[in-house]
Amino acid sequence: MRALDAGRYDAAIQEGQRFNAEIARLMGEGNVNQAYGYTLMATGHSYRGDSAEAVKYGVIAYGGFLKALGPTDINTFAAGVLLAGDLAKTGAADRGAVLLDELKKNGVESSPAAADYFVSRAVVSRFQGRATDAEGAAREAIRRTSPSSAPSGESDAIASRTFVLAQVLAMQPSKRADAERTLAEARGLARRTYGPDHPRTREMEAYQLPAAR
């Protein structure tokens, strides 16, 4: 996972491929442990902005964990949460919402994946055009983010989640100024936590809020 943290998404994808090839060699193709490799590949593609590929591998990862570990395992939750957000980004927000409802029924809100669940809920709601729901979920994701062990106490996840909040606030014309302030906050957090040259920071720096209506 260090490649992901460092923003080396292609390296993370290749790491997942190598892991799965080794599992196939040792245990046979289709072994459940390959779900871990597919999760790494899905996450790398998702972070790189290639949601179609992320969905392709995410479906395999989620299905593998669900079958082998059950619906309440943290790995199942994590894979499902990631998949739901990427489904929304590929035009299948309603499918993402159904998946999130299933995860909620199985207890994701009281699991370590809760904050990421609310991020995906915000993303799905944004693509469904549900501004109020999207804002509520984004704020809940921030509220549930644990402080970092870094000297500043700031988690890099806060930067990404604040960025999501800026995007959903921009859906509401009356909150345009809030969206602009929140985007500036997200950029500052990203520079301090990810670093100025990290892909996530560059993404936020380049992002422009949609034109006000």
N, C-alpha and C. Protein backbone atom coordinates (compact mmCIF):
# COMPACT_ATOMS: atom_id res chain seq x y z
N MET A 1 0.81 -1.21 0.00
CA MET A 1 0.00 0.00 0.00
C MET A 1 0.85 1.26 0.00
N ARG A 2 2.14 1.11 0.22
CA ARG A 2 2.99 2.30 0.26
C ARG A 2 3.01 3.03 -1.08
N ALA A 3 2.93 2.26 -2.17
CA ALA A 3 2.90 2.89 -3.49
C ALA A 3 1.68 3.79 -3.62
N LEU A 4 0.53 3.35 -3.11
CA LEU A 4 -0.67 4.18 -3.15
C LEU A 4 -0.49 5.44 -2.34
N ASP A 5 0.03 5.30 -1.12
CA ASP A 5 0.23 6.45 -0.25
C ASP A 5 1.16 7.48 -0.88
N ALA A 6 2.14 6.98 -1.64
CA ALA A 6 3.11 7.88 -2.27
C ALA A 6 2.60 8.45 -3.58
N GLY A 7 1.41 8.05 -4.00
CA GLY A 7 0.86 8.55 -5.25
C GLY A 7 1.40 7.84 -6.48
N ARG A 8 2.01 6.66 -6.28
CA ARG A 8 2.56 5.89 -7.40
C ARG A 8 1.51 4.85 -7.80
N TYR A 9 0.49 5.31 -8.48
CA TYR A 9 -0.67 4.47 -8.74
C TYR A 9 -0.36 3.35 -9.73
N ASP A 10 0.43 3.64 -10.75
CA ASP A 10 0.80 2.58 -11.69
C ASP A 10 1.59 1.48 -10.98
N ALA A 11 2.46 1.87 -10.08
CA ALA A 11 3.24 0.89 -9.32
C ALA A 11 2.33 0.03 -8.45
N ALA A 12 1.29 0.63 -7.88
CA ALA A 12 0.35 -0.11 -7.06
C ALA A 12 -0.40 -1.15 -7.90
N ILE A 13 -0.81 -0.75 -9.09
CA ILE A 13 -1.51 -1.67 -9.99
C ILE A 13 -0.60 -2.84 -10.34
N GLN A 14 0.65 -2.54 -10.65
CA GLN A 14 1.60 -3.60 -10.99
C GLN A 14 1.88 -4.51 -9.80
N GLU A 15 1.89 -3.93 -8.60
CA GLU A 15 2.08 -4.73 -7.39
C GLU A 15 0.94 -5.72 -7.22
N GLY A 16 -0.29 -5.25 -7.48
CA GLY A 16 -1.44 -6.13 -7.40
C GLY A 16 -1.38 -7.25 -8.43
N GLN A 17 -0.93 -6.92 -9.62
CA GLN A 17 -0.79 -7.93 -10.67
C GLN A 17 0.24 -8.98 -10.28
N ARG A 18 1.37 -8.53 -9.75
CA ARG A 18 2.41 -9.47 -9.34
C ARG A 18 1.92 -10.36 -8.19
N PHE A 19 1.22 -9.76 -7.25
CA PHE A 19 0.69 -10.52 -6.12
C PHE A 19 -0.24 -11.63 -6.62
N ASN A 20 -1.14 -11.29 -7.53
CA ASN A 20 -2.09 -12.27 -8.02
C ASN A 20 -1.41 -13.36 -8.84
N ALA A 21 -0.38 -12.98 -9.58
CA ALA A 21 0.35 -13.99 -10.35
C ALA A 21 1.03 -14.98 -9.41
N GLU A 22 1.57 -14.48 -8.31
CA GLU A 22 2.23 -15.36 -7.34
C GLU A 22 1.21 -16.26 -6.64
N ILE A 23 0.05 -15.71 -6.29
CA ILE A 23 -0.99 -16.52 -5.67
C ILE A 23 -1.44 -17.62 -6.64
N ALA A 24 -1.58 -17.27 -7.91
CA ALA A 24 -1.99 -18.27 -8.90
C ALA A 24 -0.96 -19.37 -9.01
N ARG A 25 0.32 -19.00 -8.95
CA ARG A 25 1.40 -19.99 -9.04
C ARG A 25 1.40 -20.93 -7.84
N LEU A 26 1.15 -20.37 -6.66
CA LEU A 26 1.24 -21.16 -5.44
C LEU A 26 -0.05 -21.90 -5.10
N MET A 27 -1.19 -21.28 -5.39
CA MET A 27 -2.47 -21.80 -4.91
C MET A 27 -3.48 -22.05 -6.01
N GLY A 28 -3.16 -21.61 -7.21
CA GLY A 28 -4.08 -21.81 -8.32
C GLY A 28 -4.86 -20.55 -8.66
N GLU A 29 -5.12 -20.38 -9.94
CA GLU A 29 -5.90 -19.23 -10.40
C GLU A 29 -7.30 -19.29 -9.81
N GLY A 30 -7.79 -18.13 -9.36
CA GLY A 30 -9.12 -18.06 -8.76
C GLY A 30 -9.13 -18.23 -7.25
N ASN A 31 -7.94 -18.40 -6.65
CA ASN A 31 -7.88 -18.50 -5.19
C ASN A 31 -8.39 -17.20 -4.56
N VAL A 32 -9.08 -17.33 -3.43
CA VAL A 32 -9.70 -16.18 -2.80
C VAL A 32 -8.70 -15.08 -2.45
N ASN A 33 -7.46 -15.47 -2.16
CA ASN A 33 -6.47 -14.46 -1.79
C ASN A 33 -6.19 -13.47 -2.91
N GLN A 34 -6.55 -13.82 -4.13
CA GLN A 34 -6.37 -12.87 -5.22
C GLN A 34 -7.26 -11.64 -5.07
N ALA A 35 -8.27 -11.72 -4.23
CA ALA A 35 -9.12 -10.55 -3.98
C ALA A 35 -8.30 -9.38 -3.45
N TYR A 36 -7.24 -9.69 -2.69
CA TYR A 36 -6.38 -8.61 -2.17
C TYR A 36 -5.65 -7.92 -3.31
N GLY A 37 -5.15 -8.71 -4.25
CA GLY A 37 -4.49 -8.11 -5.41
C GLY A 37 -5.44 -7.30 -6.25
N TYR A 38 -6.66 -7.82 -6.45
CA TYR A 38 -7.64 -7.08 -7.24
C TYR A 38 -8.05 -5.78 -6.54
N THR A 39 -8.09 -5.80 -5.21
CA THR A 39 -8.39 -4.57 -4.48
C THR A 39 -7.31 -3.52 -4.72
N LEU A 40 -6.06 -3.94 -4.68
CA LEU A 40 -4.96 -3.01 -4.94
C LEU A 40 -5.04 -2.46 -6.35
N MET A 41 -5.36 -3.30 -7.30
CA MET A 41 -5.49 -2.86 -8.68
C MET A 41 -6.67 -1.90 -8.84
N ALA A 42 -7.80 -2.24 -8.22
CA ALA A 42 -8.97 -1.37 -8.30
C ALA A 42 -8.69 -0.01 -7.68
N THR A 43 -8.01 0.00 -6.54
CA THR A 43 -7.71 1.26 -5.86
C THR A 43 -6.75 2.10 -6.69
N GLY A 44 -5.73 1.48 -7.27
CA GLY A 44 -4.80 2.21 -8.11
C GLY A 44 -5.50 2.86 -9.28
N HIS A 45 -6.37 2.12 -9.95
CA HIS A 45 -7.11 2.68 -11.08
C HIS A 45 -8.06 3.78 -10.62
N SER A 46 -8.70 3.57 -9.47
CA SER A 46 -9.63 4.58 -8.96
C SER A 46 -8.91 5.88 -8.66
N TYR A 47 -7.79 5.79 -7.95
CA TYR A 47 -7.03 6.99 -7.60
C TYR A 47 -6.45 7.67 -8.84
N ARG A 48 -6.19 6.89 -9.88
CA ARG A 48 -5.66 7.44 -11.12
C ARG A 48 -6.75 8.10 -11.96
N GLY A 49 -8.01 7.89 -11.56
CA GLY A 49 -9.12 8.49 -12.28
C GLY A 49 -9.72 7.61 -13.35
N ASP A 50 -9.32 6.35 -13.40
CA ASP A 50 -9.83 5.42 -14.40
C ASP A 50 -10.89 4.54 -13.74
N SER A 51 -12.08 5.10 -13.57
CA SER A 51 -13.12 4.41 -12.81
C SER A 51 -13.64 3.17 -13.52
N ALA A 52 -13.62 3.14 -14.86
CA ALA A 52 -14.10 1.95 -15.57
C ALA A 52 -13.24 0.73 -15.23
N GLU A 53 -11.92 0.91 -15.23
CA GLU A 53 -11.03 -0.19 -14.85
C GLU A 53 -11.17 -0.51 -13.37
N ALA A 54 -11.37 0.51 -12.56
CA ALA A 54 -11.56 0.29 -11.13
C ALA A 54 -12.79 -0.57 -10.87
N VAL A 55 -13.86 -0.31 -11.61
CA VAL A 55 -15.08 -1.11 -11.45
C VAL A 55 -14.81 -2.55 -11.86
N LYS A 56 -14.09 -2.74 -12.97
CA LYS A 56 -13.83 -4.10 -13.46
C LYS A 56 -13.14 -4.94 -12.38
N TYR A 57 -12.11 -4.40 -11.77
CA TYR A 57 -11.39 -5.15 -10.75
C TYR A 57 -12.10 -5.12 -9.40
N GLY A 58 -12.81 -4.02 -9.15
CA GLY A 58 -13.52 -3.90 -7.89
C GLY A 58 -14.65 -4.91 -7.75
N VAL A 59 -15.32 -5.21 -8.84
CA VAL A 59 -16.39 -6.21 -8.81
C VAL A 59 -15.82 -7.57 -8.42
N ILE A 60 -14.66 -7.92 -8.97
CA ILE A 60 -14.03 -9.20 -8.64
C ILE A 60 -13.60 -9.23 -7.17
N ALA A 61 -12.98 -8.13 -6.72
CA ALA A 61 -12.51 -8.07 -5.33
C ALA A 61 -13.67 -8.17 -4.36
N TYR A 62 -14.70 -7.36 -4.58
CA TYR A 62 -15.85 -7.37 -3.67
C TYR A 62 -16.51 -8.74 -3.65
N GLY A 63 -16.71 -9.32 -4.83
CA GLY A 63 -17.33 -10.64 -4.90
C GLY A 63 -16.51 -11.70 -4.21
N GLY A 64 -15.19 -11.62 -4.36
CA GLY A 64 -14.31 -12.59 -3.72
C GLY A 64 -14.36 -12.51 -2.21
N PHE A 65 -14.30 -11.29 -1.68
CA PHE A 65 -14.35 -11.12 -0.23
C PHE A 65 -15.72 -11.51 0.32
N LEU A 66 -16.77 -11.13 -0.39
CA LEU A 66 -18.12 -11.44 0.07
C LEU A 66 -18.32 -12.95 0.19
N LYS A 67 -17.85 -13.68 -0.81
CA LYS A 67 -18.01 -15.13 -0.82
C LYS A 67 -17.15 -15.81 0.26
N ALA A 68 -15.91 -15.36 0.40
CA ALA A 68 -14.97 -16.05 1.30
C ALA A 68 -15.05 -15.58 2.74
N LEU A 69 -15.27 -14.29 2.95
CA LEU A 69 -15.19 -13.73 4.30
C LEU A 69 -16.53 -13.29 4.86
N GLY A 70 -17.53 -13.18 4.01
CA GLY A 70 -18.85 -12.81 4.48
C GLY A 70 -19.14 -11.32 4.35
N PRO A 71 -20.41 -10.95 4.54
CA PRO A 71 -20.83 -9.56 4.29
C PRO A 71 -20.41 -8.54 5.34
N THR A 72 -19.92 -8.99 6.49
CA THR A 72 -19.58 -8.04 7.55
C THR A 72 -18.08 -7.93 7.80
N ASP A 73 -17.27 -8.56 6.97
CA ASP A 73 -15.82 -8.46 7.13
C ASP A 73 -15.33 -7.10 6.65
N ILE A 74 -14.30 -6.56 7.28
CA ILE A 74 -13.79 -5.23 6.93
C ILE A 74 -13.30 -5.17 5.49
N ASN A 75 -12.73 -6.26 5.00
CA ASN A 75 -12.26 -6.28 3.61
C ASN A 75 -13.43 -6.19 2.64
N THR A 76 -14.53 -6.85 2.96
CA THR A 76 -15.74 -6.76 2.14
C THR A 76 -16.28 -5.34 2.16
N PHE A 77 -16.32 -4.74 3.35
CA PHE A 77 -16.78 -3.36 3.45
C PHE A 77 -15.91 -2.42 2.62
N ALA A 78 -14.60 -2.54 2.78
CA ALA A 78 -13.69 -1.62 2.10
C ALA A 78 -13.80 -1.75 0.58
N ALA A 79 -13.85 -2.99 0.09
CA ALA A 79 -13.96 -3.19 -1.35
C ALA A 79 -15.30 -2.68 -1.88
N GLY A 80 -16.37 -2.89 -1.12
CA GLY A 80 -17.68 -2.43 -1.55
C GLY A 80 -17.80 -0.92 -1.58
N VAL A 81 -17.25 -0.27 -0.58
CA VAL A 81 -17.27 1.19 -0.51
C VAL A 81 -16.54 1.80 -1.70
N LEU A 82 -15.36 1.28 -2.01
CA LEU A 82 -14.61 1.77 -3.17
C LEU A 82 -15.39 1.56 -4.46
N LEU A 83 -15.95 0.37 -4.61
CA LEU A 83 -16.69 0.03 -5.82
C LEU A 83 -17.89 0.95 -6.02
N ALA A 84 -18.60 1.27 -4.96
CA ALA A 84 -19.79 2.11 -5.07
C ALA A 84 -19.46 3.48 -5.65
N GLY A 85 -18.38 4.08 -5.17
CA GLY A 85 -17.99 5.39 -5.68
C GLY A 85 -17.62 5.35 -7.14
N ASP A 86 -16.90 4.31 -7.55
CA ASP A 86 -16.51 4.21 -8.95
C ASP A 86 -17.69 3.87 -9.85
N LEU A 87 -18.64 3.11 -9.34
CA LEU A 87 -19.85 2.89 -10.12
C LEU A 87 -20.53 4.22 -10.44
N ALA A 88 -20.62 5.10 -9.44
CA ALA A 88 -21.24 6.41 -9.67
C ALA A 88 -20.50 7.20 -10.74
N LYS A 89 -19.19 7.13 -10.71
CA LYS A 89 -18.39 7.90 -11.66
C LYS A 89 -18.45 7.35 -13.08
N THR A 90 -18.96 6.13 -13.24
CA THR A 90 -19.11 5.55 -14.57
C THR A 90 -20.56 5.59 -15.04
N GLY A 91 -21.38 6.38 -14.36
CA GLY A 91 -22.77 6.54 -14.78
C GLY A 91 -23.73 5.56 -14.16
N ALA A 92 -23.28 4.81 -13.16
CA ALA A 92 -24.13 3.82 -12.51
C ALA A 92 -24.35 4.18 -11.05
N ALA A 93 -24.73 5.43 -10.81
CA ALA A 93 -24.90 5.90 -9.43
C ALA A 93 -25.98 5.13 -8.69
N ASP A 94 -27.04 4.75 -9.40
CA ASP A 94 -28.11 4.00 -8.73
C ASP A 94 -27.61 2.64 -8.26
N ARG A 95 -26.78 1.98 -9.06
CA ARG A 95 -26.18 0.71 -8.63
C ARG A 95 -25.28 0.94 -7.42
N GLY A 96 -24.55 2.04 -7.43
CA GLY A 96 -23.71 2.37 -6.28
C GLY A 96 -24.54 2.58 -5.03
N ALA A 97 -25.69 3.24 -5.18
CA ALA A 97 -26.55 3.49 -4.03
C ALA A 97 -27.10 2.19 -3.46
N VAL A 98 -27.47 1.26 -4.34
CA VAL A 98 -27.98 -0.04 -3.88
C VAL A 98 -26.89 -0.78 -3.10
N LEU A 99 -25.67 -0.74 -3.61
CA LEU A 99 -24.56 -1.39 -2.91
C LEU A 99 -24.32 -0.76 -1.55
N LEU A 100 -24.35 0.56 -1.49
CA LEU A 100 -24.14 1.24 -0.21
C LEU A 100 -25.27 0.90 0.78
N ASP A 101 -26.49 0.78 0.29
CA ASP A 101 -27.59 0.39 1.17
C ASP A 101 -27.36 -1.00 1.75
N GLU A 102 -26.82 -1.89 0.93
CA GLU A 102 -26.52 -3.24 1.39
C GLU A 102 -25.42 -3.21 2.46
N LEU A 103 -24.39 -2.42 2.21
CA LEU A 103 -23.31 -2.31 3.19
C LEU A 103 -23.82 -1.71 4.50
N LYS A 104 -24.70 -0.73 4.39
CA LYS A 104 -25.27 -0.12 5.60
C LYS A 104 -26.06 -1.16 6.39
N LYS A 105 -26.84 -1.96 5.70
CA LYS A 105 -27.63 -3.00 6.36
C LYS A 105 -26.72 -3.98 7.10
N ASN A 106 -25.53 -4.19 6.57
CA ASN A 106 -24.59 -5.15 7.17
C ASN A 106 -23.68 -4.54 8.23
N GLY A 107 -23.86 -3.25 8.52
CA GLY A 107 -23.15 -2.65 9.65
C GLY A 107 -21.93 -1.82 9.33
N VAL A 108 -21.79 -1.36 8.10
CA VAL A 108 -20.58 -0.62 7.74
C VAL A 108 -20.42 0.67 8.55
N GLU A 109 -21.52 1.27 8.96
CA GLU A 109 -21.43 2.55 9.69
C GLU A 109 -20.77 2.42 11.06
N SER A 110 -20.70 1.22 11.59
CA SER A 110 -20.04 1.01 12.88
C SER A 110 -18.71 0.29 12.71
N SER A 111 -18.19 0.27 11.50
CA SER A 111 -16.93 -0.42 11.20
C SER A 111 -15.82 0.60 10.96
N PRO A 112 -14.57 0.14 10.88
CA PRO A 112 -13.47 1.05 10.55
C PRO A 112 -13.58 1.66 9.15
N ALA A 113 -14.47 1.12 8.31
CA ALA A 113 -14.66 1.66 6.96
C ALA A 113 -15.74 2.74 6.92
N ALA A 114 -16.23 3.17 8.09
CA ALA A 114 -17.36 4.09 8.12
C ALA A 114 -17.08 5.41 7.42
N ALA A 115 -15.92 6.02 7.69
CA ALA A 115 -15.63 7.32 7.08
C ALA A 115 -15.59 7.20 5.56
N ASP A 116 -14.95 6.14 5.06
CA ASP A 116 -14.90 5.94 3.61
C ASP A 116 -16.28 5.66 3.04
N TYR A 117 -17.11 4.99 3.81
CA TYR A 117 -18.49 4.75 3.39
C TYR A 117 -19.20 6.08 3.16
N PHE A 118 -19.05 7.02 4.08
CA PHE A 118 -19.73 8.30 3.92
C PHE A 118 -19.15 9.11 2.76
N VAL A 119 -17.87 8.95 2.48
CA VAL A 119 -17.30 9.59 1.29
C VAL A 119 -17.99 9.06 0.04
N SER A 120 -18.10 7.74 -0.05
CA SER A 120 -18.75 7.15 -1.22
C SER A 120 -20.22 7.53 -1.28
N ARG A 121 -20.86 7.63 -0.13
CA ARG A 121 -22.26 8.06 -0.11
C ARG A 121 -22.38 9.49 -0.65
N ALA A 122 -21.44 10.35 -0.29
CA ALA A 122 -21.45 11.72 -0.81
C ALA A 122 -21.25 11.73 -2.32
N VAL A 123 -20.31 10.92 -2.81
CA VAL A 123 -20.04 10.86 -4.24
C VAL A 123 -21.25 10.34 -5.00
N VAL A 124 -21.83 9.25 -4.52
CA VAL A 124 -23.00 8.68 -5.18
C VAL A 124 -24.15 9.69 -5.20
N SER A 125 -24.40 10.34 -4.06
CA SER A 125 -25.48 11.32 -3.99
C SER A 125 -25.23 12.50 -4.92
N ARG A 126 -23.96 12.90 -5.06
CA ARG A 126 -23.63 14.00 -5.98
C ARG A 126 -24.00 13.62 -7.41
N PHE A 127 -23.65 12.41 -7.81
CA PHE A 127 -23.95 11.99 -9.17
C PHE A 127 -25.44 11.74 -9.38
N GLN A 128 -26.17 11.52 -8.29
CA GLN A 128 -27.62 11.40 -8.38
C GLN A 128 -28.31 12.76 -8.34
N GLY A 129 -27.54 13.83 -8.11
CA GLY A 129 -28.11 15.17 -8.04
C GLY A 129 -28.76 15.50 -6.72
N ARG A 130 -28.43 14.75 -5.68
CA ARG A 130 -29.05 14.94 -4.37
C ARG A 130 -28.09 15.74 -3.49
N ALA A 131 -28.16 17.06 -3.64
CA ALA A 131 -27.16 17.95 -3.03
C ALA A 131 -27.17 17.90 -1.51
N THR A 132 -28.35 17.93 -0.91
CA THR A 132 -28.44 17.95 0.56
C THR A 132 -27.89 16.67 1.15
N ASP A 133 -28.26 15.53 0.56
CA ASP A 133 -27.75 14.25 1.05
C ASP A 133 -26.24 14.16 0.87
N ALA A 134 -25.75 14.67 -0.26
CA ALA A 134 -24.32 14.63 -0.54
C ALA A 134 -23.55 15.45 0.49
N GLU A 135 -24.06 16.64 0.80
CA GLU A 135 -23.39 17.48 1.79
C GLU A 135 -23.38 16.82 3.16
N GLY A 136 -24.51 16.28 3.56
CA GLY A 136 -24.57 15.63 4.87
C GLY A 136 -23.60 14.48 5.00
N ALA A 137 -23.49 13.68 3.93
CA ALA A 137 -22.57 12.54 3.96
C ALA A 137 -21.12 13.00 3.99
N ALA A 138 -20.80 14.04 3.21
CA ALA A 138 -19.42 14.54 3.19
C ALA A 138 -19.03 15.09 4.56
N ARG A 139 -19.92 15.80 5.21
CA ARG A 139 -19.61 16.34 6.54
C ARG A 139 -19.46 15.21 7.56
N GLU A 140 -20.26 14.15 7.41
CA GLU A 140 -20.14 13.02 8.33
C GLU A 140 -18.81 12.30 8.12
N ALA A 141 -18.37 12.21 6.88
CA ALA A 141 -17.07 11.58 6.60
C ALA A 141 -15.95 12.34 7.29
N ILE A 142 -16.00 13.66 7.23
CA ILE A 142 -14.98 14.48 7.89
C ILE A 142 -15.05 14.30 9.40
N ARG A 143 -16.26 14.29 9.92
CA ARG A 143 -16.44 14.16 11.37
C ARG A 143 -15.86 12.84 11.87
N ARG A 144 -15.94 11.81 11.06
CA ARG A 144 -15.49 10.49 11.48
C ARG A 144 -14.02 10.20 11.16
N THR A 145 -13.33 11.15 10.59
CA THR A 145 -11.94 10.94 10.25
C THR A 145 -11.07 11.05 11.50
N SER A 146 -10.28 10.04 11.75
CA SER A 146 -9.41 10.02 12.94
C SER A 146 -8.22 10.95 12.74
N PRO A 147 -7.78 11.61 13.80
CA PRO A 147 -6.58 12.45 13.69
C PRO A 147 -5.36 11.61 13.30
N SER A 148 -4.42 12.25 12.66
CA SER A 148 -3.19 11.57 12.26
C SER A 148 -2.19 11.58 13.41
N SER A 149 -1.21 10.67 13.31
CA SER A 149 -0.11 10.68 14.28
C SER A 149 0.96 11.69 13.90
N ALA A 150 0.76 12.39 12.76
CA ALA A 150 1.71 13.41 12.34
C ALA A 150 1.72 14.55 13.36
N PRO A 151 2.84 15.30 13.44
CA PRO A 151 2.92 16.39 14.42
C PRO A 151 1.77 17.38 14.34
N SER A 152 1.28 17.63 13.13
CA SER A 152 0.18 18.59 12.97
C SER A 152 -1.14 18.01 13.43
N GLY A 153 -1.21 16.68 13.55
CA GLY A 153 -2.47 16.03 13.89
C GLY A 153 -3.44 15.95 12.73
N GLU A 154 -3.02 16.39 11.55
CA GLU A 154 -3.88 16.41 10.38
C GLU A 154 -3.69 15.12 9.57
N SER A 155 -4.78 14.48 9.21
CA SER A 155 -4.74 13.28 8.38
C SER A 155 -4.85 13.68 6.92
N ASP A 156 -4.09 13.00 6.03
CA ASP A 156 -4.22 13.33 4.62
C ASP A 156 -5.63 13.01 4.12
N ALA A 157 -6.31 12.08 4.80
CA ALA A 157 -7.69 11.79 4.42
C ALA A 157 -8.59 13.00 4.58
N ILE A 158 -8.28 13.86 5.55
CA ILE A 158 -9.08 15.08 5.73
C ILE A 158 -9.02 15.94 4.48
N ALA A 159 -7.86 16.03 3.84
CA ALA A 159 -7.73 16.83 2.63
C ALA A 159 -8.66 16.31 1.55
N SER A 160 -8.62 15.01 1.30
CA SER A 160 -9.46 14.43 0.26
C SER A 160 -10.95 14.58 0.59
N ARG A 161 -11.29 14.42 1.85
CA ARG A 161 -12.71 14.50 2.22
C ARG A 161 -13.21 15.93 2.22
N THR A 162 -12.33 16.88 2.52
CA THR A 162 -12.69 18.28 2.42
C THR A 162 -12.89 18.67 0.95
N PHE A 163 -12.09 18.09 0.08
CA PHE A 163 -12.23 18.30 -1.36
C PHE A 163 -13.59 17.80 -1.85
N VAL A 164 -14.01 16.64 -1.37
CA VAL A 164 -15.33 16.13 -1.73
C VAL A 164 -16.42 17.08 -1.24
N LEU A 165 -16.26 17.60 -0.04
CA LEU A 165 -17.24 18.54 0.50
C LEU A 165 -17.33 19.78 -0.38
N ALA A 166 -16.20 20.29 -0.84
CA ALA A 166 -16.22 21.47 -1.73
C ALA A 166 -17.02 21.17 -3.00
N GLN A 167 -16.82 19.99 -3.55
CA GLN A 167 -17.52 19.62 -4.78
C GLN A 167 -19.03 19.55 -4.57
N VAL A 168 -19.46 19.01 -3.43
CA VAL A 168 -20.90 18.89 -3.22
C VAL A 168 -21.53 20.23 -2.82
N LEU A 169 -20.78 21.06 -2.12
CA LEU A 169 -21.31 22.39 -1.80
C LEU A 169 -21.56 23.20 -3.07
N ALA A 170 -20.73 23.00 -4.08
CA ALA A 170 -20.87 23.73 -5.34
C ALA A 170 -22.15 23.37 -6.08
N MET A 171 -22.80 22.29 -5.69
CA MET A 171 -24.07 21.93 -6.31
C MET A 171 -25.18 22.91 -5.94
N GLN A 172 -25.00 23.63 -4.84
CA GLN A 172 -26.03 24.53 -4.33
C GLN A 172 -25.61 25.98 -4.57
N PRO A 173 -26.29 26.70 -5.46
CA PRO A 173 -25.89 28.08 -5.77
C PRO A 173 -25.76 28.97 -4.54
N SER A 174 -26.59 28.73 -3.53
CA SER A 174 -26.53 29.58 -2.33
C SER A 174 -25.29 29.32 -1.49
N LYS A 175 -24.57 28.23 -1.79
CA LYS A 175 -23.39 27.88 -1.01
C LYS A 175 -22.10 28.00 -1.82
N ARG A 176 -22.15 28.81 -2.86
CA ARG A 176 -20.98 28.97 -3.72
C ARG A 176 -19.77 29.49 -2.94
N ALA A 177 -19.98 30.50 -2.11
CA ALA A 177 -18.86 31.05 -1.34
C ALA A 177 -18.30 30.01 -0.38
N ASP A 178 -19.17 29.22 0.23
CA ASP A 178 -18.71 28.14 1.12
C ASP A 178 -17.87 27.13 0.34
N ALA A 179 -18.32 26.82 -0.89
CA ALA A 179 -17.58 25.86 -1.72
C ALA A 179 -16.19 26.39 -2.04
N GLU A 180 -16.09 27.68 -2.36
CA GLU A 180 -14.79 28.27 -2.69
C GLU A 180 -13.86 28.25 -1.48
N ARG A 181 -14.39 28.59 -0.30
CA ARG A 181 -13.57 28.57 0.92
C ARG A 181 -13.14 27.14 1.24
N THR A 182 -14.05 26.20 1.05
CA THR A 182 -13.75 24.81 1.37
C THR A 182 -12.71 24.24 0.41
N LEU A 183 -12.79 24.62 -0.86
CA LEU A 183 -11.79 24.17 -1.83
C LEU A 183 -10.41 24.72 -1.46
N ALA A 184 -10.36 25.98 -1.06
CA ALA A 184 -9.08 26.55 -0.64
C ALA A 184 -8.54 25.83 0.60
N GLU A 185 -9.43 25.47 1.50
CA GLU A 185 -9.02 24.73 2.70
C GLU A 185 -8.46 23.36 2.32
N ALA A 186 -9.15 22.68 1.40
CA ALA A 186 -8.70 21.36 0.96
C ALA A 186 -7.32 21.44 0.32
N ARG A 187 -7.08 22.45 -0.49
CA ARG A 187 -5.77 22.61 -1.13
C ARG A 187 -4.68 22.83 -0.09
N GLY A 188 -4.96 23.66 0.91
CA GLY A 188 -3.97 23.88 1.95
C GLY A 188 -3.68 22.62 2.75
N LEU A 189 -4.73 21.88 3.08
CA LEU A 189 -4.55 20.61 3.79
C LEU A 189 -3.73 19.64 2.95
N ALA A 190 -4.01 19.58 1.66
CA ALA A 190 -3.28 18.65 0.78
C ALA A 190 -1.80 19.00 0.72
N ARG A 191 -1.50 20.29 0.62
CA ARG A 191 -0.08 20.69 0.56
C ARG A 191 0.65 20.30 1.84
N ARG A 192 -0.05 20.40 2.99
CA ARG A 192 0.60 20.09 4.26
C ARG A 192 0.69 18.59 4.52
N THR A 193 -0.27 17.82 4.06
CA THR A 193 -0.33 16.40 4.40
C THR A 193 0.22 15.50 3.29
N TYR A 194 -0.29 15.66 2.08
CA TYR A 194 0.22 14.85 0.97
C TYR A 194 1.58 15.36 0.49
N GLY A 195 1.74 16.69 0.54
CA GLY A 195 2.93 17.31 -0.04
C GLY A 195 2.59 17.98 -1.36
N PRO A 196 3.34 19.01 -1.75
CA PRO A 196 2.98 19.80 -2.93
C PRO A 196 3.06 19.05 -4.25
N ASP A 197 3.84 17.98 -4.32
CA ASP A 197 4.03 17.28 -5.59
C ASP A 197 3.21 16.00 -5.70
N HIS A 198 2.40 15.69 -4.71
CA HIS A 198 1.59 14.47 -4.74
C HIS A 198 0.47 14.62 -5.77
N PRO A 199 0.11 13.54 -6.47
CA PRO A 199 -0.97 13.64 -7.46
C PRO A 199 -2.29 14.16 -6.89
N ARG A 200 -2.59 13.80 -5.66
CA ARG A 200 -3.83 14.29 -5.07
C ARG A 200 -3.80 15.81 -4.91
N THR A 201 -2.66 16.32 -4.49
CA THR A 201 -2.52 17.77 -4.34
C THR A 201 -2.64 18.46 -5.69
N ARG A 202 -1.97 17.91 -6.70
CA ARG A 202 -2.04 18.50 -8.04
C ARG A 202 -3.46 18.47 -8.59
N GLU A 203 -4.19 17.40 -8.28
CA GLU A 203 -5.58 17.31 -8.72
C GLU A 203 -6.41 18.44 -8.12
N MET A 204 -6.24 18.68 -6.82
CA MET A 204 -7.01 19.72 -6.16
C MET A 204 -6.61 21.12 -6.64
N GLU A 205 -5.32 21.30 -6.88
CA GLU A 205 -4.85 22.60 -7.36
C GLU A 205 -5.42 22.92 -8.74
N ALA A 206 -5.57 21.88 -9.57
CA ALA A 206 -6.04 22.08 -10.95
C ALA A 206 -7.56 22.17 -11.03
N TYR A 207 -8.25 21.67 -10.02
CA TYR A 207 -9.72 21.59 -10.09
C TYR A 207 -10.35 22.98 -10.07
N GLN A 208 -11.34 23.16 -10.92
CA GLN A 208 -12.12 24.39 -10.93
C GLN A 208 -13.58 24.06 -10.61
N LEU A 209 -14.15 24.79 -9.69
CA LEU A 209 -15.57 24.59 -9.39
C LEU A 209 -16.40 24.87 -10.63
N PRO A 210 -17.51 24.15 -10.79
CA PRO A 210 -18.40 24.42 -11.94
C PRO A 210 -18.86 25.87 -11.93
N ALA A 211 -19.09 26.39 -13.09
CA ALA A 211 -19.53 27.78 -13.20
C ALA A 211 -20.84 27.99 -12.42
N ALA A 212 -20.93 29.10 -11.72
CA ALA A 212 -22.13 29.40 -10.95
C ALA A 212 -23.32 29.59 -11.90
N ARG A 213 -24.47 29.07 -11.50
CA ARG A 213 -25.68 29.20 -12.32
C ARG A 213 -26.51 30.38 -11.87
